[in-house]
Amino acid sequence: MVIDIDKLREDMLNNCYGAFFVCDFGGALAESVDVENATPEELIEMAQRQGIDLRRYEV
């Protein structure tokens, strides 16, 4: 399976920012730094831990 890493990263960042601004969840802002700096492999692992369906990002 080939994953569109840029789209996955963008969506994960949007989720982090949404959690921070809507719910005032400070941990989400810290997590956004991890998402920005993650290698493609790390990003996929993070997405799997969060239960994100990676098939949505298949190219």
C-alpha atoms as a PDB file:
ATOM      1  CA  MET A   1       0.000   0.000   0.000  1.00  0.00           C
ATOM      2  CA  VAL A   2       1.332   3.437  -0.965  1.00  0.00           C
ATOM      3  CA  ILE A   3       0.189   6.258   1.318  1.00  0.00           C
ATOM      4  CA  ASP A   4      -0.182   9.955   0.433  1.00  0.00           C
ATOM      5  CA  ILE A   5       1.968  11.129   3.339  1.00  0.00           C
ATOM      6  CA  ASP A   6       1.412  14.831   2.648  1.00  0.00           C
ATOM      7  CA  LYS A   7      -2.381  14.472   2.840  1.00  0.00           C
ATOM      8  CA  LEU A   8      -2.137  12.277   5.950  1.00  0.00           C
ATOM      9  CA  ARG A   9       0.155  14.804   7.652  1.00  0.00           C
ATOM     10  CA  GLU A  10      -2.168  17.685   6.686  1.00  0.00           C
ATOM     11  CA  ASP A  11      -5.238  15.926   8.081  1.00  0.00           C
ATOM     12  CA  MET A  12      -3.464  14.940  11.287  1.00  0.00           C
ATOM     13  CA  LEU A  13      -2.273  18.526  11.787  1.00  0.00           C
ATOM     14  CA  ASN A  14      -5.791  19.828  11.199  1.00  0.00           C
ATOM     15  CA  ASN A  15      -7.065  17.403  13.849  1.00  0.00           C
ATOM     16  CA  CYS A  16      -4.439  18.646  16.303  1.00  0.00           C
ATOM     17  CA  TYR A  17      -5.205  22.293  15.648  1.00  0.00           C
ATOM     18  CA  GLY A  18      -8.942  21.646  15.914  1.00  0.00           C
ATOM     19  CA  ALA A  19      -8.514  19.927  19.270  1.00  0.00           C
ATOM     20  CA  PHE A  20      -6.392  22.808  20.512  1.00  0.00           C
ATOM     21  CA  PHE A  21      -8.615  25.672  19.369  1.00  0.00           C
ATOM     22  CA  VAL A  22     -12.034  24.097  19.926  1.00  0.00           C
ATOM     23  CA  CYS A  23     -11.370  22.072  23.070  1.00  0.00           C
ATOM     24  CA  ASP A  24      -8.448  24.095  24.430  1.00  0.00           C
ATOM     25  CA  PHE A  25      -6.458  20.847  24.644  1.00  0.00           C
ATOM     26  CA  GLY A  26      -2.843  21.972  25.038  1.00  0.00           C
ATOM     27  CA  GLY A  27      -1.469  18.493  24.397  1.00  0.00           C
ATOM     28  CA  ALA A  28      -2.755  18.678  20.841  1.00  0.00           C
ATOM     29  CA  LEU A  29      -0.514  21.637  20.109  1.00  0.00           C
ATOM     30  CA  ALA A  30       2.507  19.730  21.388  1.00  0.00           C
ATOM     31  CA  GLU A  31       1.465  16.712  19.318  1.00  0.00           C
ATOM     32  CA  SER A  32       1.302  18.890  16.206  1.00  0.00           C
ATOM     33  CA  VAL A  33       5.059  19.444  16.494  1.00  0.00           C
ATOM     34  CA  ASP A  34       5.545  15.659  16.521  1.00  0.00           C
ATOM     35  CA  VAL A  35       3.326  15.314  13.447  1.00  0.00           C
ATOM     36  CA  GLU A  36       5.243  18.037  11.600  1.00  0.00           C
ATOM     37  CA  ASN A  37       8.629  16.466  12.359  1.00  0.00           C
ATOM     38  CA  ALA A  38       7.720  12.791  11.960  1.00  0.00           C
ATOM     39  CA  THR A  39       9.268  10.670   9.248  1.00  0.00           C
ATOM     40  CA  PRO A  40       6.760   8.962   6.941  1.00  0.00           C
ATOM     41  CA  GLU A  41       7.159   5.729   8.922  1.00  0.00           C
ATOM     42  CA  GLU A  42       6.613   7.496  12.248  1.00  0.00           C
ATOM     43  CA  LEU A  43       3.590   9.320  10.860  1.00  0.00           C
ATOM     44  CA  ILE A  44       2.004   6.056   9.746  1.00  0.00           C
ATOM     45  CA  GLU A  45       2.629   4.546  13.197  1.00  0.00           C
ATOM     46  CA  MET A  46       1.049   7.595  14.862  1.00  0.00           C
ATOM     47  CA  ALA A  47      -1.964   7.361  12.565  1.00  0.00           C
ATOM     48  CA  GLN A  48      -2.398   3.669  13.338  1.00  0.00           C
ATOM     49  CA  ARG A  49      -2.261   4.352  17.094  1.00  0.00           C
ATOM     50  CA  GLN A  50      -4.965   6.998  16.605  1.00  0.00           C
ATOM     51  CA  GLY A  51      -7.128   4.542  14.684  1.00  0.00           C
ATOM     52  CA  ILE A  52      -6.970   6.445  11.399  1.00  0.00           C
ATOM     53  CA  ASP A  53      -8.029   4.365   8.405  1.00  0.00           C
ATOM     54  CA  LEU A  54      -4.965   4.509   6.186  1.00  0.00           C
ATOM     55  CA  ARG A  55      -6.935   3.171   3.212  1.00  0.00           C
ATOM     56  CA  ARG A  56      -8.353   6.700   2.893  1.00  0.00           C
ATOM     57  CA  TYR A  57      -4.852   7.880   1.995  1.00  0.00           C
ATOM     58  CA  GLU A  58      -3.954   5.141  -0.432  1.00  0.00           C
ATOM     59  CA  VAL A  59      -2.746   6.364  -3.836  1.00  0.00           C
END
